[in-house]
């Protein structure tokens, strides 16, 4: 048996490491996923020099599987940002069940819960109910809540990054 040598190529010191921003994307379909990724890209561009990013994604349908739901809940427990990206206004049973159960294990006391809407508000009452439910959930968890509409690109650039930035780099 032959041992191989491990050569160090210059490890970063703890001072050189950037804090990591944990992002969970829950999406309804591919178009909702695409919109959520656009939101994440804007945040990443703004904070690329000060934060590293770890992004995990699940489709609403995957949340019906107990193993996927459990892994998504573990990710949500530590996430800095939870993006829920929807196209329709009708409740999705998988998402509703998951929301009722998943945040019971959340241990992080800060963060942002963001609803990314991907269609014009054709049913404002339904959007308002969904936003209200998520805003209450965010409040119980000590998280900020942001609702991003397709026309709210300025909010992506200003509100979301300001909410997740560590205090020492907030502007």
N, C-alpha and C. Protein backbone atom coordinates (compact mmCIF):
# COMPACT_ATOMS: atom_id res chain seq x y z
N UNK A 1 0.84 -1.16 0.00
CA UNK A 1 0.00 0.00 0.00
C UNK A 1 0.89 1.23 0.00
N UNK A 2 0.55 2.19 -0.83
CA UNK A 2 1.37 3.37 -0.96
C UNK A 2 0.60 4.60 -0.49
N UNK A 3 1.18 5.37 0.34
CA UNK A 3 0.55 6.60 0.84
C UNK A 3 0.81 7.73 -0.14
N UNK A 4 -0.17 8.57 -0.33
CA UNK A 4 0.04 9.72 -1.20
C UNK A 4 0.22 10.97 -0.34
N UNK A 5 1.02 11.85 -0.82
CA UNK A 5 1.29 13.09 -0.09
C UNK A 5 0.17 14.10 -0.39
N UNK A 6 -0.24 14.77 0.64
CA UNK A 6 -1.22 15.83 0.47
C UNK A 6 -0.48 17.15 0.61
N UNK A 7 -0.54 17.94 -0.43
CA UNK A 7 0.14 19.23 -0.40
C UNK A 7 -0.89 20.33 -0.22
N UNK A 8 -0.60 21.21 0.67
CA UNK A 8 -1.49 22.35 0.89
C UNK A 8 -1.18 23.42 -0.15
N UNK A 9 -2.25 23.99 -0.68
CA UNK A 9 -2.06 24.99 -1.72
C UNK A 9 -2.35 26.40 -1.22
N UNK A 10 -2.40 26.59 0.07
CA UNK A 10 -2.64 27.92 0.61
C UNK A 10 -4.06 28.07 1.11
N UNK A 11 -4.29 27.58 2.29
CA UNK A 11 -5.63 27.68 2.87
C UNK A 11 -5.90 29.12 3.30
N UNK A 12 -7.14 29.51 3.20
CA UNK A 12 -7.53 30.85 3.64
C UNK A 12 -7.57 30.88 5.15
N UNK A 13 -7.24 32.02 5.69
CA UNK A 13 -7.37 32.17 7.14
C UNK A 13 -8.82 32.48 7.45
N UNK A 14 -9.19 32.35 8.72
CA UNK A 14 -10.57 32.63 9.11
C UNK A 14 -10.94 34.08 8.81
N UNK A 15 -9.97 34.96 8.88
CA UNK A 15 -10.25 36.36 8.59
C UNK A 15 -10.59 36.58 7.12
N UNK A 16 -10.07 35.71 6.24
CA UNK A 16 -10.30 35.85 4.81
C UNK A 16 -11.63 35.23 4.35
N UNK A 17 -12.22 34.41 5.20
CA UNK A 17 -13.47 33.76 4.80
C UNK A 17 -14.63 34.75 4.83
N UNK A 18 -15.49 34.65 3.83
CA UNK A 18 -16.68 35.50 3.78
C UNK A 18 -17.83 34.75 4.44
N UNK A 19 -18.73 35.48 5.12
CA UNK A 19 -19.91 34.81 5.67
C UNK A 19 -20.75 34.23 4.53
N UNK A 20 -21.43 33.13 4.82
CA UNK A 20 -22.26 32.48 3.80
C UNK A 20 -23.71 32.86 4.02
N UNK A 21 -24.39 33.16 2.93
CA UNK A 21 -25.81 33.45 2.95
C UNK A 21 -26.53 32.21 2.41
N UNK A 22 -27.35 31.61 3.26
CA UNK A 22 -28.10 30.41 2.89
C UNK A 22 -29.44 30.81 2.29
N UNK A 23 -29.71 30.34 1.07
CA UNK A 23 -30.95 30.68 0.38
C UNK A 23 -31.70 29.40 0.03
N UNK A 24 -32.99 29.40 0.34
CA UNK A 24 -33.88 28.31 -0.04
C UNK A 24 -34.89 28.86 -1.03
N UNK A 25 -34.99 28.21 -2.19
CA UNK A 25 -35.98 28.57 -3.19
C UNK A 25 -37.02 27.46 -3.25
N UNK A 26 -38.28 27.82 -3.04
CA UNK A 26 -39.40 26.91 -3.23
C UNK A 26 -40.19 27.48 -4.41
N UNK A 27 -40.37 26.67 -5.46
CA UNK A 27 -40.97 27.21 -6.67
C UNK A 27 -42.10 26.32 -7.17
N UNK A 28 -43.03 26.97 -7.86
CA UNK A 28 -44.22 26.29 -8.37
C UNK A 28 -43.95 25.56 -9.68
N UNK A 29 -43.22 26.17 -10.57
CA UNK A 29 -42.90 25.58 -11.86
C UNK A 29 -41.60 26.20 -12.38
N UNK A 30 -41.25 25.86 -13.62
CA UNK A 30 -39.97 26.34 -14.15
C UNK A 30 -39.94 27.86 -14.28
N UNK A 31 -41.03 28.48 -14.71
CA UNK A 31 -41.03 29.94 -14.84
C UNK A 31 -40.87 30.60 -13.47
N UNK A 32 -41.48 30.04 -12.44
CA UNK A 32 -41.33 30.57 -11.09
C UNK A 32 -39.89 30.37 -10.60
N UNK A 33 -39.30 29.23 -10.92
CA UNK A 33 -37.91 28.96 -10.58
C UNK A 33 -37.00 30.00 -11.25
N UNK A 34 -37.24 30.26 -12.54
CA UNK A 34 -36.43 31.21 -13.29
C UNK A 34 -36.49 32.60 -12.66
N UNK A 35 -37.66 33.02 -12.26
CA UNK A 35 -37.82 34.34 -11.63
C UNK A 35 -37.10 34.39 -10.29
N UNK A 36 -37.19 33.33 -9.51
CA UNK A 36 -36.50 33.28 -8.22
C UNK A 36 -34.98 33.34 -8.41
N UNK A 37 -34.49 32.67 -9.42
CA UNK A 37 -33.05 32.70 -9.71
C UNK A 37 -32.63 34.11 -10.11
N UNK A 38 -33.46 34.81 -10.86
CA UNK A 38 -33.15 36.20 -11.21
C UNK A 38 -33.03 37.06 -9.96
N UNK A 39 -33.94 36.85 -9.01
CA UNK A 39 -33.88 37.59 -7.75
C UNK A 39 -32.57 37.27 -7.03
N UNK A 40 -32.23 36.00 -6.95
CA UNK A 40 -30.98 35.60 -6.29
C UNK A 40 -29.76 36.18 -6.99
N UNK A 41 -29.77 36.20 -8.30
CA UNK A 41 -28.62 36.75 -9.03
C UNK A 41 -28.41 38.22 -8.70
N UNK A 42 -29.48 38.97 -8.56
CA UNK A 42 -29.34 40.38 -8.22
C UNK A 42 -28.75 40.56 -6.82
N UNK A 43 -29.19 39.74 -5.89
CA UNK A 43 -28.64 39.80 -4.54
C UNK A 43 -27.17 39.40 -4.56
N UNK A 44 -26.86 38.34 -5.31
CA UNK A 44 -25.48 37.87 -5.38
C UNK A 44 -24.56 38.91 -6.01
N UNK A 45 -25.04 39.58 -7.04
CA UNK A 45 -24.22 40.62 -7.67
C UNK A 45 -23.93 41.74 -6.69
N UNK A 46 -24.90 42.10 -5.91
CA UNK A 46 -24.73 43.20 -4.97
C UNK A 46 -23.74 42.86 -3.86
N UNK A 47 -23.74 41.60 -3.41
CA UNK A 47 -22.93 41.23 -2.25
C UNK A 47 -21.82 40.23 -2.57
N UNK A 48 -21.46 40.08 -3.82
CA UNK A 48 -20.45 39.09 -4.21
C UNK A 48 -19.12 39.29 -3.50
N UNK A 49 -18.77 40.52 -3.20
CA UNK A 49 -17.47 40.77 -2.57
C UNK A 49 -17.49 40.54 -1.06
N UNK A 50 -18.68 40.46 -0.44
CA UNK A 50 -18.74 40.33 1.01
C UNK A 50 -19.40 39.06 1.50
N UNK A 51 -20.14 38.35 0.64
CA UNK A 51 -20.84 37.14 1.06
C UNK A 51 -20.63 36.01 0.06
N UNK A 52 -20.57 34.80 0.57
CA UNK A 52 -20.68 33.61 -0.26
C UNK A 52 -22.15 33.18 -0.21
N UNK A 53 -22.59 32.40 -1.19
CA UNK A 53 -23.99 32.00 -1.25
C UNK A 53 -24.11 30.49 -1.42
N UNK A 54 -25.08 29.94 -0.71
CA UNK A 54 -25.41 28.53 -0.83
C UNK A 54 -26.91 28.47 -1.11
N UNK A 55 -27.27 27.99 -2.29
CA UNK A 55 -28.67 28.00 -2.72
C UNK A 55 -29.15 26.57 -2.91
N UNK A 56 -30.32 26.30 -2.33
CA UNK A 56 -30.97 24.99 -2.50
C UNK A 56 -32.39 25.25 -3.00
N UNK A 57 -32.89 24.35 -3.86
CA UNK A 57 -34.20 24.55 -4.49
C UNK A 57 -35.06 23.28 -4.39
N UNK A 58 -36.36 23.50 -4.21
CA UNK A 58 -37.34 22.42 -4.28
C UNK A 58 -38.58 22.94 -5.00
N UNK A 59 -39.17 22.07 -5.80
CA UNK A 59 -40.45 22.34 -6.43
C UNK A 59 -41.54 22.01 -5.41
N UNK A 60 -42.67 22.72 -5.47
CA UNK A 60 -43.77 22.47 -4.54
C UNK A 60 -44.17 21.00 -4.55
N UNK A 61 -44.21 20.38 -5.72
CA UNK A 61 -44.63 18.97 -5.82
C UNK A 61 -43.70 18.07 -5.04
N UNK A 62 -42.41 18.39 -5.01
CA UNK A 62 -41.44 17.58 -4.27
C UNK A 62 -41.72 17.62 -2.76
N UNK A 63 -42.38 18.66 -2.30
CA UNK A 63 -42.67 18.78 -0.87
C UNK A 63 -43.69 17.75 -0.40
N UNK A 64 -44.38 17.10 -1.33
CA UNK A 64 -45.31 16.02 -0.97
C UNK A 64 -44.56 14.76 -0.55
N UNK A 65 -43.32 14.62 -0.98
CA UNK A 65 -42.49 13.49 -0.60
C UNK A 65 -41.91 13.77 0.79
N UNK A 66 -42.14 12.87 1.76
CA UNK A 66 -41.68 13.14 3.14
C UNK A 66 -40.18 13.40 3.25
N UNK A 67 -39.36 12.69 2.47
CA UNK A 67 -37.91 12.91 2.55
C UNK A 67 -37.52 14.28 2.02
N UNK A 68 -38.10 14.67 0.88
CA UNK A 68 -37.82 15.99 0.33
C UNK A 68 -38.31 17.08 1.28
N UNK A 69 -39.50 16.88 1.81
CA UNK A 69 -40.07 17.87 2.73
C UNK A 69 -39.19 18.04 3.96
N UNK A 70 -38.66 16.94 4.47
CA UNK A 70 -37.79 16.99 5.65
C UNK A 70 -36.48 17.73 5.33
N UNK A 71 -35.89 17.42 4.17
CA UNK A 71 -34.65 18.10 3.78
C UNK A 71 -34.89 19.59 3.54
N UNK A 72 -36.00 19.93 2.91
CA UNK A 72 -36.34 21.34 2.69
C UNK A 72 -36.56 22.05 4.02
N UNK A 73 -37.18 21.37 4.98
CA UNK A 73 -37.42 21.97 6.30
C UNK A 73 -36.09 22.20 7.04
N UNK A 74 -35.15 21.27 6.92
CA UNK A 74 -33.83 21.46 7.53
C UNK A 74 -33.12 22.66 6.92
N UNK A 75 -33.25 22.79 5.62
CA UNK A 75 -32.64 23.94 4.94
C UNK A 75 -33.31 25.23 5.39
N UNK A 76 -34.64 25.23 5.50
CA UNK A 76 -35.37 26.41 5.93
C UNK A 76 -35.01 26.81 7.36
N UNK A 77 -34.68 25.82 8.19
CA UNK A 77 -34.35 26.09 9.59
C UNK A 77 -33.13 26.99 9.72
N UNK A 78 -32.23 26.92 8.76
CA UNK A 78 -30.99 27.69 8.85
C UNK A 78 -30.88 28.76 7.77
N UNK A 79 -31.88 28.88 6.92
CA UNK A 79 -31.78 29.79 5.78
C UNK A 79 -31.83 31.25 6.20
N UNK A 80 -31.05 32.06 5.50
CA UNK A 80 -31.11 33.51 5.66
C UNK A 80 -32.26 34.08 4.84
N UNK A 81 -32.49 33.46 3.68
CA UNK A 81 -33.55 33.89 2.78
C UNK A 81 -34.35 32.66 2.35
N UNK A 82 -35.66 32.74 2.48
CA UNK A 82 -36.55 31.72 1.93
C UNK A 82 -37.39 32.43 0.87
N UNK A 83 -37.20 32.04 -0.39
CA UNK A 83 -37.95 32.61 -1.50
C UNK A 83 -39.04 31.63 -1.91
N UNK A 84 -40.27 32.05 -1.84
CA UNK A 84 -41.39 31.24 -2.32
C UNK A 84 -41.85 31.88 -3.61
N UNK A 85 -41.64 31.20 -4.72
CA UNK A 85 -41.92 31.75 -6.03
C UNK A 85 -43.15 31.08 -6.62
N UNK A 86 -44.19 31.91 -6.86
CA UNK A 86 -45.49 31.39 -7.31
C UNK A 86 -45.92 32.06 -8.59
N UNK A 87 -46.68 31.31 -9.36
CA UNK A 87 -47.31 31.85 -10.56
C UNK A 87 -48.79 32.06 -10.28
N UNK A 88 -49.45 31.03 -9.76
CA UNK A 88 -50.88 31.09 -9.53
C UNK A 88 -51.22 31.56 -8.14
N UNK A 89 -52.50 31.87 -7.96
CA UNK A 89 -52.97 32.32 -6.66
C UNK A 89 -53.68 31.23 -5.90
N UNK A 90 -54.00 30.14 -6.57
CA UNK A 90 -54.71 29.06 -5.89
C UNK A 90 -53.76 28.33 -4.96
N UNK A 91 -54.22 28.01 -3.76
CA UNK A 91 -53.34 27.34 -2.80
C UNK A 91 -52.82 26.00 -3.35
N UNK A 92 -51.57 25.75 -3.11
CA UNK A 92 -50.96 24.47 -3.47
C UNK A 92 -50.91 23.65 -2.19
N UNK A 93 -51.59 22.53 -2.19
CA UNK A 93 -51.70 21.70 -1.00
C UNK A 93 -50.34 21.32 -0.44
N UNK A 94 -49.40 20.97 -1.32
CA UNK A 94 -48.07 20.55 -0.86
C UNK A 94 -47.40 21.69 -0.10
N UNK A 95 -47.46 22.90 -0.66
CA UNK A 95 -46.82 24.05 -0.01
C UNK A 95 -47.53 24.39 1.30
N UNK A 96 -48.84 24.38 1.30
CA UNK A 96 -49.59 24.71 2.52
C UNK A 96 -49.25 23.75 3.66
N UNK A 97 -49.22 22.48 3.37
CA UNK A 97 -48.86 21.49 4.41
C UNK A 97 -47.45 21.73 4.90
N UNK A 98 -46.54 21.95 3.97
CA UNK A 98 -45.15 22.14 4.33
C UNK A 98 -44.98 23.38 5.19
N UNK A 99 -45.64 24.47 4.82
CA UNK A 99 -45.54 25.70 5.61
C UNK A 99 -46.05 25.49 7.03
N UNK A 100 -47.12 24.72 7.17
CA UNK A 100 -47.69 24.46 8.49
C UNK A 100 -46.73 23.70 9.39
N UNK A 101 -45.88 22.87 8.81
CA UNK A 101 -45.02 21.99 9.61
C UNK A 101 -43.55 22.38 9.63
N UNK A 102 -43.06 22.97 8.56
CA UNK A 102 -41.60 23.08 8.39
C UNK A 102 -40.93 24.03 9.36
N UNK A 103 -41.54 25.14 9.65
CA UNK A 103 -40.84 26.15 10.42
C UNK A 103 -40.85 25.86 11.91
N UNK A 104 -41.44 24.76 12.32
CA UNK A 104 -41.41 24.39 13.74
C UNK A 104 -39.97 24.13 14.19
N UNK A 105 -39.11 23.73 13.25
CA UNK A 105 -37.73 23.41 13.60
C UNK A 105 -36.77 24.58 13.34
N UNK A 106 -37.28 25.72 12.96
CA UNK A 106 -36.39 26.85 12.65
C UNK A 106 -35.70 27.33 13.92
N UNK A 107 -34.38 27.42 13.86
CA UNK A 107 -33.61 27.88 15.01
C UNK A 107 -32.97 29.23 14.77
N UNK A 108 -32.91 29.66 13.54
CA UNK A 108 -32.33 30.96 13.22
C UNK A 108 -33.37 32.04 13.51
N UNK A 109 -32.95 33.11 14.16
CA UNK A 109 -33.92 34.12 14.59
C UNK A 109 -33.97 35.33 13.66
N UNK A 110 -33.23 35.33 12.59
CA UNK A 110 -33.24 36.42 11.64
C UNK A 110 -33.39 35.84 10.24
N UNK A 111 -33.73 36.70 9.31
CA UNK A 111 -33.82 36.26 7.93
C UNK A 111 -34.95 36.95 7.21
N UNK A 112 -35.13 36.54 5.96
CA UNK A 112 -36.15 37.13 5.11
C UNK A 112 -36.98 36.01 4.51
N UNK A 113 -38.28 36.17 4.60
CA UNK A 113 -39.22 35.31 3.89
C UNK A 113 -39.77 36.17 2.77
N UNK A 114 -39.52 35.77 1.53
CA UNK A 114 -39.92 36.58 0.38
C UNK A 114 -40.88 35.80 -0.50
N UNK A 115 -41.96 36.44 -0.87
CA UNK A 115 -42.91 35.89 -1.82
C UNK A 115 -42.62 36.54 -3.16
N UNK A 116 -42.24 35.73 -4.13
CA UNK A 116 -41.94 36.23 -5.47
C UNK A 116 -43.14 35.89 -6.34
N UNK A 117 -43.88 36.92 -6.74
CA UNK A 117 -45.06 36.75 -7.58
C UNK A 117 -44.63 36.86 -9.03
N UNK A 118 -45.14 35.97 -9.87
CA UNK A 118 -44.66 35.89 -11.24
C UNK A 118 -45.72 36.17 -12.29
N UNK A 119 -46.81 36.74 -11.88
CA UNK A 119 -47.88 37.09 -12.82
C UNK A 119 -48.53 38.37 -12.34
N UNK A 120 -49.13 39.09 -13.26
CA UNK A 120 -49.84 40.30 -12.82
C UNK A 120 -50.91 39.93 -11.81
N UNK A 121 -51.21 40.85 -10.95
CA UNK A 121 -52.20 40.60 -9.90
C UNK A 121 -53.61 40.58 -10.48
N UNK A 122 -53.96 39.45 -11.09
CA UNK A 122 -55.29 39.33 -11.66
C UNK A 122 -56.32 39.04 -10.57
N UNK A 123 -55.86 38.53 -9.45
CA UNK A 123 -56.74 38.23 -8.32
C UNK A 123 -56.15 38.85 -7.06
N UNK A 124 -56.30 40.17 -6.91
CA UNK A 124 -55.65 40.85 -5.79
C UNK A 124 -56.06 40.34 -4.42
N UNK A 125 -57.29 39.89 -4.27
CA UNK A 125 -57.73 39.37 -2.98
C UNK A 125 -56.97 38.10 -2.61
N UNK A 126 -56.76 37.21 -3.58
CA UNK A 126 -56.01 35.98 -3.33
C UNK A 126 -54.55 36.28 -3.01
N UNK A 127 -53.95 37.23 -3.74
CA UNK A 127 -52.56 37.62 -3.46
C UNK A 127 -52.46 38.20 -2.06
N UNK A 128 -53.45 39.02 -1.69
CA UNK A 128 -53.43 39.64 -0.36
C UNK A 128 -53.53 38.59 0.73
N UNK A 129 -54.36 37.56 0.53
CA UNK A 129 -54.48 36.49 1.53
C UNK A 129 -53.18 35.72 1.66
N UNK A 130 -52.58 35.38 0.53
CA UNK A 130 -51.32 34.66 0.56
C UNK A 130 -50.22 35.50 1.21
N UNK A 131 -50.13 36.76 0.83
CA UNK A 131 -49.12 37.65 1.42
C UNK A 131 -49.35 37.80 2.92
N UNK A 132 -50.61 37.96 3.32
CA UNK A 132 -50.93 38.09 4.74
C UNK A 132 -50.53 36.87 5.54
N UNK A 133 -50.80 35.68 4.98
CA UNK A 133 -50.43 34.44 5.68
C UNK A 133 -48.92 34.34 5.86
N UNK A 134 -48.19 34.64 4.79
CA UNK A 134 -46.73 34.54 4.87
C UNK A 134 -46.13 35.63 5.75
N UNK A 135 -46.74 36.80 5.75
CA UNK A 135 -46.26 37.88 6.62
C UNK A 135 -46.45 37.51 8.09
N UNK A 136 -47.58 36.89 8.43
CA UNK A 136 -47.80 36.44 9.80
C UNK A 136 -46.79 35.36 10.18
N UNK A 137 -46.55 34.43 9.27
CA UNK A 137 -45.57 33.37 9.53
C UNK A 137 -44.19 33.98 9.76
N UNK A 138 -43.81 34.91 8.91
CA UNK A 138 -42.50 35.56 9.06
C UNK A 138 -42.40 36.27 10.41
N UNK A 139 -43.47 36.95 10.81
CA UNK A 139 -43.47 37.64 12.09
C UNK A 139 -43.29 36.70 13.27
N UNK A 140 -43.96 35.55 13.23
CA UNK A 140 -43.81 34.56 14.30
C UNK A 140 -42.39 34.02 14.38
N UNK A 141 -41.72 33.98 13.24
CA UNK A 141 -40.37 33.43 13.19
C UNK A 141 -39.29 34.48 13.38
N UNK A 142 -39.67 35.73 13.53
CA UNK A 142 -38.67 36.79 13.68
C UNK A 142 -38.00 37.14 12.36
N UNK A 143 -38.65 36.85 11.26
CA UNK A 143 -38.10 37.13 9.93
C UNK A 143 -38.78 38.37 9.36
N UNK A 144 -38.09 39.04 8.46
CA UNK A 144 -38.71 40.11 7.68
C UNK A 144 -39.50 39.46 6.56
N UNK A 145 -40.51 40.17 6.07
CA UNK A 145 -41.31 39.67 4.95
C UNK A 145 -41.29 40.69 3.82
N UNK A 146 -41.07 40.18 2.61
CA UNK A 146 -41.08 41.01 1.42
C UNK A 146 -41.90 40.30 0.35
N UNK A 147 -42.78 41.04 -0.29
CA UNK A 147 -43.55 40.52 -1.41
C UNK A 147 -43.07 41.23 -2.66
N UNK A 148 -42.52 40.47 -3.60
CA UNK A 148 -41.96 41.03 -4.82
C UNK A 148 -42.87 40.71 -6.00
N UNK A 149 -43.37 41.75 -6.64
CA UNK A 149 -44.22 41.61 -7.82
C UNK A 149 -43.34 41.72 -9.06
N UNK A 150 -43.84 41.26 -10.21
CA UNK A 150 -43.01 41.33 -11.42
C UNK A 150 -42.49 42.73 -11.74
N UNK A 151 -43.23 43.76 -11.39
CA UNK A 151 -42.81 45.12 -11.70
C UNK A 151 -41.90 45.71 -10.61
N UNK A 152 -41.64 44.98 -9.55
CA UNK A 152 -40.89 45.51 -8.41
C UNK A 152 -39.39 45.21 -8.47
N UNK A 153 -38.78 45.37 -9.63
CA UNK A 153 -37.36 45.07 -9.72
C UNK A 153 -36.52 45.95 -8.81
N UNK A 154 -36.97 47.17 -8.56
CA UNK A 154 -36.24 48.05 -7.65
C UNK A 154 -36.21 47.47 -6.25
N UNK A 155 -37.28 46.82 -5.84
CA UNK A 155 -37.32 46.21 -4.51
C UNK A 155 -36.28 45.11 -4.38
N UNK A 156 -36.09 44.36 -5.44
CA UNK A 156 -35.08 43.30 -5.41
C UNK A 156 -33.71 43.90 -5.16
N UNK A 157 -33.43 45.00 -5.82
CA UNK A 157 -32.12 45.61 -5.71
C UNK A 157 -31.90 46.29 -4.37
N UNK A 158 -32.96 46.82 -3.76
CA UNK A 158 -32.78 47.61 -2.55
C UNK A 158 -33.27 46.93 -1.28
N UNK A 159 -34.49 46.45 -1.26
CA UNK A 159 -35.07 45.91 -0.02
C UNK A 159 -34.46 44.59 0.40
N UNK A 160 -34.43 43.62 -0.50
CA UNK A 160 -33.96 42.29 -0.12
C UNK A 160 -32.50 42.31 0.31
N UNK A 161 -31.58 42.89 -0.44
CA UNK A 161 -30.20 42.92 0.03
C UNK A 161 -30.03 43.65 1.36
N UNK A 162 -30.76 44.73 1.56
CA UNK A 162 -30.63 45.47 2.82
C UNK A 162 -31.11 44.62 3.99
N UNK A 163 -32.09 43.77 3.76
CA UNK A 163 -32.63 42.95 4.84
C UNK A 163 -31.70 41.81 5.22
N UNK A 164 -30.92 41.28 4.27
CA UNK A 164 -30.09 40.11 4.59
C UNK A 164 -28.65 40.46 4.89
N UNK A 165 -28.24 41.66 4.61
CA UNK A 165 -26.85 42.03 4.82
C UNK A 165 -26.49 42.02 6.30
N UNK A 166 -25.32 41.49 6.63
CA UNK A 166 -24.86 41.60 8.01
C UNK A 166 -24.78 43.06 8.40
N UNK A 167 -25.00 43.39 9.67
CA UNK A 167 -25.02 44.79 10.11
C UNK A 167 -23.78 45.58 9.71
N UNK A 168 -22.64 44.93 9.68
CA UNK A 168 -21.41 45.68 9.38
C UNK A 168 -21.29 46.11 7.92
N UNK A 169 -22.13 45.53 7.02
CA UNK A 169 -22.03 45.94 5.62
C UNK A 169 -23.32 46.55 5.10
N UNK A 170 -24.31 46.76 5.96
CA UNK A 170 -25.55 47.42 5.52
C UNK A 170 -25.26 48.86 5.17
N UNK A 171 -25.92 49.33 4.11
CA UNK A 171 -25.70 50.71 3.69
C UNK A 171 -26.96 51.51 3.85
